[in-house]
């Protein structure tokens, strides 16, 4: 169960970081 939790949470955190980074770059490029 612990491994399943880590395998689900870590990619989610990485995905959120990439998404927020992409949004920030987009705002900077537009602004």
Protein backbone atom coordinates (compact mmCIF):
# COMPACT_ATOMS: atom_id res chain seq x y z
CA UNK A 1 0.00 0.00 0.00
CA UNK A 2 2.88 2.33 0.83
CA UNK A 3 4.51 1.79 -2.56
CA UNK A 4 1.19 2.35 -4.32
CA UNK A 5 0.72 5.63 -2.47
CA UNK A 6 4.19 6.85 -3.39
CA UNK A 7 3.78 5.76 -7.01
CA UNK A 8 0.56 7.79 -7.18
CA UNK A 9 1.62 10.88 -5.23
CA UNK A 10 5.09 11.51 -6.67
CA UNK A 11 4.00 11.67 -10.37
CA UNK A 12 1.06 13.85 -9.30
CA UNK A 13 3.38 16.31 -7.54
CA UNK A 14 5.74 16.35 -10.54
CA UNK A 15 2.80 16.92 -12.88
CA UNK A 16 1.53 19.82 -10.77
CA UNK A 17 5.01 21.37 -10.71
CA UNK A 18 5.32 21.09 -14.49
CA UNK A 19 1.82 22.52 -14.97
CA UNK A 20 2.43 25.49 -12.66
CA UNK A 21 5.80 26.09 -14.34
CA UNK A 22 4.20 26.06 -17.79
CA UNK A 23 1.49 28.49 -16.64
CA UNK A 24 4.13 30.82 -15.17
CA UNK A 25 6.18 30.77 -18.41
CA UNK A 26 3.00 31.43 -20.40
CA UNK A 27 2.08 34.43 -18.21
CA UNK A 28 5.61 35.85 -18.47
CA UNK A 29 5.58 35.42 -22.25
CA UNK A 30 2.18 37.12 -22.53
CA UNK A 31 2.91 39.86 -19.98
